[in-house]
C-alpha atoms as a PDB file:
ATOM      1  CA  MET A   1       0.015  -0.131   0.074  1.00  0.00           C
ATOM      2  CA  GLY A   2       1.576   3.442  -1.060  1.00  0.00           C
ATOM      3  CA  VAL A   3       1.738   6.506   0.983  1.00  0.00           C
ATOM      4  CA  TYR A   4      -1.655   7.737  -0.111  1.00  0.00           C
ATOM      5  CA  ALA A   5      -3.367   4.555  -0.359  1.00  0.00           C
ATOM      6  CA  GLY A   6      -3.808   4.485   3.544  1.00  0.00           C
ATOM      7  CA  LEU A   7      -5.494   7.874   3.688  1.00  0.00           C
ATOM      8  CA  MET A   8      -8.943   6.425   3.659  1.00  0.00           C
ATOM      9  CA  ALA A   9      -8.762   3.060   5.528  1.00  0.00           C
ATOM     10  CA  LYS A  10     -11.736   0.669   4.976  1.00  0.00           C
ATOM     11  CA  ASP A  11     -13.335   1.527   8.511  1.00  0.00           C
ATOM     12  CA  SER A  12     -12.580   5.460   8.054  1.00  0.00           C
ATOM     13  CA  TYR A  13     -15.220   6.385   5.803  1.00  0.00           C
ATOM     14  CA  HIS A  14     -18.619   6.727   7.392  1.00  0.00           C
ATOM     15  CA  HIS A  15     -21.723   8.843   6.513  1.00  0.00           C
ATOM     16  CA  GLY A  16     -20.072  11.924   5.159  1.00  0.00           C
ATOM     17  CA  ASP A  17     -19.642  13.164   1.595  1.00  0.00           C
ATOM     18  CA  LEU A  18     -18.630  10.274  -0.303  1.00  0.00           C
ATOM     19  CA  LYS A  19     -18.125  11.951  -3.593  1.00  0.00           C
ATOM     20  CA  ALA A  20     -15.647  14.375  -2.057  1.00  0.00           C
ATOM     21  CA  ALA A  21     -13.912  11.630  -0.239  1.00  0.00           C
ATOM     22  CA  ILE A  22     -13.507   9.700  -3.420  1.00  0.00           C
ATOM     23  CA  LEU A  23     -12.181  12.691  -5.309  1.00  0.00           C
ATOM     24  CA  GLY A  24      -9.575  13.354  -2.562  1.00  0.00           C
ATOM     25  CA  GLN A  25      -8.382   9.907  -2.635  1.00  0.00           C
ATOM     26  CA  ALA A  26      -8.405  10.005  -6.469  1.00  0.00           C
ATOM     27  CA  ALA A  27      -6.074  13.136  -6.385  1.00  0.00           C
ATOM     28  CA  ALA A  28      -3.903  11.453  -3.866  1.00  0.00           C
ATOM     29  CA  LEU A  29      -3.467   8.269  -6.102  1.00  0.00           C
ATOM     30  CA  VAL A  30      -2.909  10.355  -9.319  1.00  0.00           C
ATOM     31  CA  ALA A  31      -0.203  12.160  -7.486  1.00  0.00           C
ATOM     32  CA  GLU A  32       1.329   9.025  -6.215  1.00  0.00           C
ATOM     33  CA  ARG A  33       1.283   6.916  -9.454  1.00  0.00           C
ATOM     34  CA  GLY A  34      -0.571   8.609 -12.278  1.00  0.00           C
ATOM     35  CA  ALA A  35      -3.989   8.780 -13.754  1.00  0.00           C
ATOM     36  CA  ASP A  36      -3.321   5.353 -15.384  1.00  0.00           C
ATOM     37  CA  GLY A  37      -3.164   3.596 -12.048  1.00  0.00           C
ATOM     38  CA  ILE A  38      -6.569   4.683 -10.893  1.00  0.00           C
ATOM     39  CA  SER A  39      -9.700   2.617 -11.130  1.00  0.00           C
ATOM     40  CA  LEU A  40     -13.042   3.154  -9.610  1.00  0.00           C
ATOM     41  CA  ARG A  41     -13.077  -0.220  -8.145  1.00  0.00           C
ATOM     42  CA  GLU A  42     -10.009   0.462  -6.292  1.00  0.00           C
ATOM     43  CA  LEU A  43     -11.299   3.658  -4.955  1.00  0.00           C
ATOM     44  CA  ALA A  44     -14.356   1.855  -3.649  1.00  0.00           C
ATOM     45  CA  ARG A  45     -12.071  -0.673  -2.045  1.00  0.00           C
ATOM     46  CA  VAL A  46     -10.037   1.884  -0.407  1.00  0.00           C
ATOM     47  CA  ALA A  47     -13.101   3.818   0.719  1.00  0.00           C
ATOM     48  CA  GLY A  48     -14.586   0.553   2.084  1.00  0.00           C
ATOM     49  CA  VAL A  49     -17.722   0.894  -0.105  1.00  0.00           C
ATOM     50  CA  SER A  50     -19.428  -1.211  -2.576  1.00  0.00           C
ATOM     51  CA  HIS A  51     -17.797  -1.158  -6.104  1.00  0.00           C
ATOM     52  CA  ALA A  52     -20.891   0.351  -7.292  1.00  0.00           C
ATOM     53  CA  ALA A  53     -20.871   3.403  -5.187  1.00  0.00           C
ATOM     54  CA  PRO A  54     -18.189   5.549  -6.944  1.00  0.00           C
ATOM     55  CA  ALA A  55     -19.906   4.571 -10.466  1.00  0.00           C
ATOM     56  CA  HIS A  56     -23.157   6.143  -8.713  1.00  0.00           C
ATOM     57  CA  HIS A  57     -21.430   9.526  -8.401  1.00  0.00           C
ATOM     58  CA  PHE A  58     -19.128   9.377 -11.627  1.00  0.00           C
ATOM     59  CA  THR A  59     -20.462   6.748 -13.833  1.00  0.00           C
ATOM     60  CA  ASP A  60     -16.961   5.905 -14.972  1.00  0.00           C
ATOM     61  CA  ARG A  61     -13.223   6.820 -14.811  1.00  0.00           C
ATOM     62  CA  ARG A  62     -14.033   9.677 -17.349  1.00  0.00           C
ATOM     63  CA  GLY A  63     -16.692  10.938 -15.226  1.00  0.00           C
ATOM     64  CA  LEU A  64     -14.339  10.827 -12.229  1.00  0.00           C
ATOM     65  CA  PHE A  65     -11.603  12.760 -13.971  1.00  0.00           C
ATOM     66  CA  THR A  66     -14.173  15.257 -15.304  1.00  0.00           C
ATOM     67  CA  ALA A  67     -15.078  16.008 -11.529  1.00  0.00           C
ATOM     68  CA  LEU A  68     -11.467  15.950 -10.465  1.00  0.00           C
ATOM     69  CA  ALA A  69     -10.545  18.442 -13.059  1.00  0.00           C
ATOM     70  CA  ALA A  70     -13.479  20.724 -12.449  1.00  0.00           C
ATOM     71  CA  GLU A  71     -12.552  20.661  -8.727  1.00  0.00           C
ATOM     72  CA  GLY A  72      -8.995  21.449  -9.641  1.00  0.00           C
ATOM     73  CA  PHE A  73      -9.819  24.455 -11.780  1.00  0.00           C
ATOM     74  CA  ARG A  74     -12.262  25.931  -8.978  1.00  0.00           C
ATOM     75  CA  LEU A  75      -9.433  25.495  -6.405  1.00  0.00           C
ATOM     76  CA  LEU A  76      -7.012  26.993  -8.834  1.00  0.00           C
ATOM     77  CA  ALA A  77      -9.575  30.032  -9.487  1.00  0.00           C
ATOM     78  CA  ALA A  78      -9.899  30.372  -5.654  1.00  0.00           C
ATOM     79  CA  ALA A  79      -6.027  30.547  -5.267  1.00  0.00           C
ATOM     80  CA  LEU A  80      -5.626  33.026  -7.902  1.00  0.00           C
ATOM     81  CA  THR A  81      -8.481  35.022  -6.579  1.00  0.00           C
ATOM     82  CA  ASP A  82      -6.837  35.035  -3.076  1.00  0.00           C
ATOM     83  CA  ALA A  83      -3.410  36.071  -4.615  1.00  0.00           C
ATOM     84  CA  ARG A  84      -4.584  39.437  -6.418  1.00  0.00           C
ATOM     85  CA  PRO A  85      -3.874  42.044  -7.309  1.00  0.00           C
ATOM     86  CA  GLU A  86      -0.565  41.759  -9.305  1.00  0.00           C
ATOM     87  CA  PHE A  87       0.683  39.264 -11.982  1.00  0.00           C
ATOM     88  CA  ILE A  88       3.579  38.011  -9.915  1.00  0.00           C
ATOM     89  CA  ASP A  89       1.130  37.139  -7.090  1.00  0.00           C
ATOM     90  CA  ALA A  90      -0.852  35.210  -9.621  1.00  0.00           C
ATOM     91  CA  ALA A  91       2.251  33.546 -10.891  1.00  0.00           C
ATOM     92  CA  LYS A  92       3.406  32.385  -7.507  1.00  0.00           C
ATOM     93  CA  ALA A  93      -0.204  31.206  -6.564  1.00  0.00           C
ATOM     94  CA  TYR A  94      -0.399  29.166  -9.919  1.00  0.00           C
ATOM     95  CA  VAL A  95       2.890  27.387  -9.105  1.00  0.00           C
ATOM     96  CA  ARG A  96       2.084  26.973  -5.514  1.00  0.00           C
ATOM     97  CA  PHE A  97      -1.260  25.337  -6.482  1.00  0.00           C
ATOM     98  CA  ALA A  98       0.365  22.957  -8.861  1.00  0.00           C
ATOM     99  CA  LEU A  99       2.976  21.938  -6.268  1.00  0.00           C
ATOM    100  CA  ASP A 100       0.373  21.458  -3.521  1.00  0.00           C
ATOM    101  CA  HIS A 101      -2.307  19.701  -5.883  1.00  0.00           C
ATOM    102  CA  PRO A 102      -0.218  17.668  -8.135  1.00  0.00           C
ATOM    103  CA  GLY A 103      -3.024  14.955  -8.668  1.00  0.00           C
ATOM    104  CA  HIS A 104      -5.518  17.538  -9.752  1.00  0.00           C
ATOM    105  CA  TYR A 105      -2.954  19.309 -11.834  1.00  0.00           C
ATOM    106  CA  GLU A 106      -1.875  16.319 -13.761  1.00  0.00           C
ATOM    107  CA  VAL A 107      -5.623  15.577 -14.676  1.00  0.00           C
ATOM    108  CA  MET A 108      -6.572  19.251 -15.484  1.00  0.00           C
ATOM    109  CA  PHE A 109      -4.173  19.545 -18.193  1.00  0.00           C
ATOM    110  CA  ASP A 110      -4.869  16.034 -19.852  1.00  0.00           C
ATOM    111  CA  LYS A 111      -8.060  16.462 -21.884  1.00  0.00           C
ATOM    112  CA  SER A 112      -7.755  12.960 -23.139  1.00  0.00           C
ATOM    113  CA  LEU A 113      -8.930  11.908 -19.350  1.00  0.00           C
ATOM    114  CA  TYR A 114     -12.077  13.923 -19.220  1.00  0.00           C
ATOM    115  CA  ASP A 115     -15.273  15.469 -20.856  1.00  0.00           C
ATOM    116  CA  ALA A 116     -13.892  18.904 -21.850  1.00  0.00           C
ATOM    117  CA  ALA A 117     -17.625  19.850 -22.914  1.00  0.00           C
ATOM    118  CA  ASP A 118     -18.823  19.119 -19.326  1.00  0.00           C
ATOM    119  CA  PRO A 119     -20.719  22.544 -18.059  1.00  0.00           C
ATOM    120  CA  GLY A 120     -19.436  22.444 -14.762  1.00  0.00           C
ATOM    121  CA  LEU A 121     -15.673  21.912 -15.891  1.00  0.00           C
ATOM    122  CA  VAL A 122     -16.165  24.579 -18.546  1.00  0.00           C
ATOM    123  CA  GLU A 123     -17.357  26.980 -16.023  1.00  0.00           C
ATOM    124  CA  ALA A 124     -14.481  26.235 -13.520  1.00  0.00           C
ATOM    125  CA  GLU A 125     -11.885  26.372 -16.400  1.00  0.00           C
ATOM    126  CA  ALA A 126     -13.206  29.758 -17.515  1.00  0.00           C
ATOM    127  CA  ALA A 127     -13.132  31.090 -13.965  1.00  0.00           C
ATOM    128  CA  ALA A 128      -9.357  30.189 -13.652  1.00  0.00           C
ATOM    129  CA  SER A 129      -8.499  31.457 -17.022  1.00  0.00           C
ATOM    130  CA  ALA A 130     -10.138  34.694 -15.988  1.00  0.00           C
ATOM    131  CA  GLU A 131      -8.235  34.997 -12.819  1.00  0.00           C
ATOM    132  CA  LEU A 132      -5.146  34.464 -14.630  1.00  0.00           C
ATOM    133  CA  ALA A 133      -5.932  36.746 -17.150  1.00  0.00           C
ATOM    134  CA  ARG A 134      -6.808  39.618 -14.477  1.00  0.00           C
ATOM    135  CA  GLY A 135      -3.285  39.092 -13.042  1.00  0.00           C
ATOM    136  CA  VAL A 136      -1.582  39.315 -16.592  1.00  0.00           C
ATOM    137  CA  ALA A 137      -3.756  42.579 -17.202  1.00  0.00           C
ATOM    138  CA  THR A 138      -1.503  44.215 -14.167  1.00  0.00           C
ATOM    139  CA  LEU A 139       1.694  43.818 -16.267  1.00  0.00           C
ATOM    140  CA  THR A 140       3.167  47.330 -17.205  1.00  0.00           C
ATOM    141  CA  ASP A 141       5.663  45.729 -19.495  1.00  0.00           C
ATOM    142  CA  PRO A 142       5.184  47.767 -22.845  1.00  0.00           C
ATOM    143  CA  LYS A 143       5.196  44.587 -24.902  1.00  0.00           C
ATOM    144  CA  ALA A 144       2.515  42.920 -22.742  1.00  0.00           C
ATOM    145  CA  GLU A 145       0.556  45.981 -22.907  1.00  0.00           C
ATOM    146  CA  ALA A 146       0.885  46.190 -26.745  1.00  0.00           C
ATOM    147  CA  ASP A 147      -0.196  42.578 -27.215  1.00  0.00           C
ATOM    148  CA  PRO A 148      -2.312  41.370 -24.060  1.00  0.00           C
ATOM    149  CA  GLU A 149      -3.358  38.127 -25.812  1.00  0.00           C
ATOM    150  CA  ALA A 150       0.424  37.070 -26.494  1.00  0.00           C
ATOM    151  CA  ALA A 151       1.220  38.475 -22.817  1.00  0.00           C
ATOM    152  CA  ALA A 152      -1.516  36.016 -21.431  1.00  0.00           C
ATOM    153  CA  LEU A 153      -0.030  33.027 -23.238  1.00  0.00           C
ATOM    154  CA  ALA A 154       3.495  33.819 -22.304  1.00  0.00           C
ATOM    155  CA  ALA A 155       2.487  34.131 -18.639  1.00  0.00           C
ATOM    156  CA  TRP A 156       0.559  31.006 -18.791  1.00  0.00           C
ATOM    157  CA  SER A 157       3.472  29.296 -20.549  1.00  0.00           C
ATOM    158  CA  LEU A 158       5.848  30.537 -18.023  1.00  0.00           C
ATOM    159  CA  VAL A 159       4.085  29.269 -14.811  1.00  0.00           C
ATOM    160  CA  HIS A 160       2.672  26.068 -16.461  1.00  0.00           C
ATOM    161  CA  GLY A 161       5.955  25.113 -17.921  1.00  0.00           C
ATOM    162  CA  PHE A 162       7.967  25.852 -14.805  1.00  0.00           C
ATOM    163  CA  ALA A 163       5.332  23.956 -12.676  1.00  0.00           C
ATOM    164  CA  LEU A 164       5.551  20.906 -14.874  1.00  0.00           C
ATOM    165  CA  LEU A 165       9.311  20.982 -14.965  1.00  0.00           C
ATOM    166  CA  TRP A 166       9.452  21.213 -11.126  1.00  0.00           C
ATOM    167  CA  LEU A 167       6.921  18.482 -10.573  1.00  0.00           C
ATOM    168  CA  ASN A 168       8.679  16.129 -12.905  1.00  0.00           C
ATOM    169  CA  GLY A 169      11.993  16.856 -11.568  1.00  0.00           C
ATOM    170  CA  ALA A 170      13.365  18.059 -14.920  1.00  0.00           C
ATOM    171  CA  THR A 171      14.963  21.159 -13.233  1.00  0.00           C
ATOM    172  CA  ASP A 172      16.943  21.748 -10.172  1.00  0.00           C
ATOM    173  CA  THR A 173      14.489  21.288  -7.398  1.00  0.00           C
ATOM    174  CA  SER A 174      16.876  22.119  -4.531  1.00  0.00           C
ATOM    175  CA  GLY A 175      15.836  25.632  -4.354  1.00  0.00           C
ATOM    176  CA  ASP A 176      12.558  27.539  -3.512  1.00  0.00           C
ATOM    177  CA  PRO A 177      10.337  27.139  -6.502  1.00  0.00           C
ATOM    178  CA  ILE A 178       8.170  30.317  -5.629  1.00  0.00           C
ATOM    179  CA  ALA A 179      11.244  32.524  -5.651  1.00  0.00           C
ATOM    180  CA  THR A 180      12.444  30.881  -8.792  1.00  0.00           C
ATOM    181  CA  VAL A 181       9.127  31.656 -10.619  1.00  0.00           C
ATOM    182  CA  GLU A 182       9.376  35.240  -9.395  1.00  0.00           C
ATOM    183  CA  ARG A 183      12.915  35.428 -10.731  1.00  0.00           C
ATOM    184  CA  LEU A 184      11.727  34.119 -14.192  1.00  0.00           C
ATOM    185  CA  ALA A 185       8.691  36.386 -14.514  1.00  0.00           C
ATOM    186  CA  ALA A 186      11.239  39.319 -13.892  1.00  0.00           C
ATOM    187  CA  ILE A 187      13.157  38.019 -16.816  1.00  0.00           C
ATOM    188  CA  LEU A 188      10.284  37.650 -19.077  1.00  0.00           C
ATOM    189  CA  PHE A 189       8.310  40.680 -18.191  1.00  0.00           C
ATOM    190  CA  ASP A 190       9.611  44.185 -17.462  1.00  0.00           C
ATOM    191  CA  ARG A 191       8.047  45.901 -14.342  1.00  0.00           C
ATOM    192  CA  CYS A 192       5.956  42.800 -13.381  1.00  0.00           C
END
């Protein structure tokens, strides 16, 4: 049993919010072993409920990952809202979110796993995108002001790319990731 598999011992689930409990367990397992290593049957076993219980809430793995991605985008939107008002605050919040929620983050950006047309997911994704754009709109860099659409893509590429590099150990992870993304943003944008 992995580090996260014991989070919800068979006798630990009682009459609470099963859907939320399964989503939390799914996020933990994705962070531990990736999305391919998850099944509704395993989640039911770990939760100590019938194998049909997760299917009642999510129908199938695609439904589970759609709900997990929507939850992730809602959490990201909240983190970005709390980080206002400047771009650098949004950049740091974005990276912090990715590092604190690696299971959600992995699923959120793998559209092959979920139903991208799901209304709840579309709404959550739009809210997160709007918050990131709000942060980018605070940039006073002349190039960013001249082309806000490209500035938004550059900003997202910066924070998303850096977060993925850090999570995958593809860059030096011995330093402070938040201080590093702040340095990188200052290189990319004047007066951020």
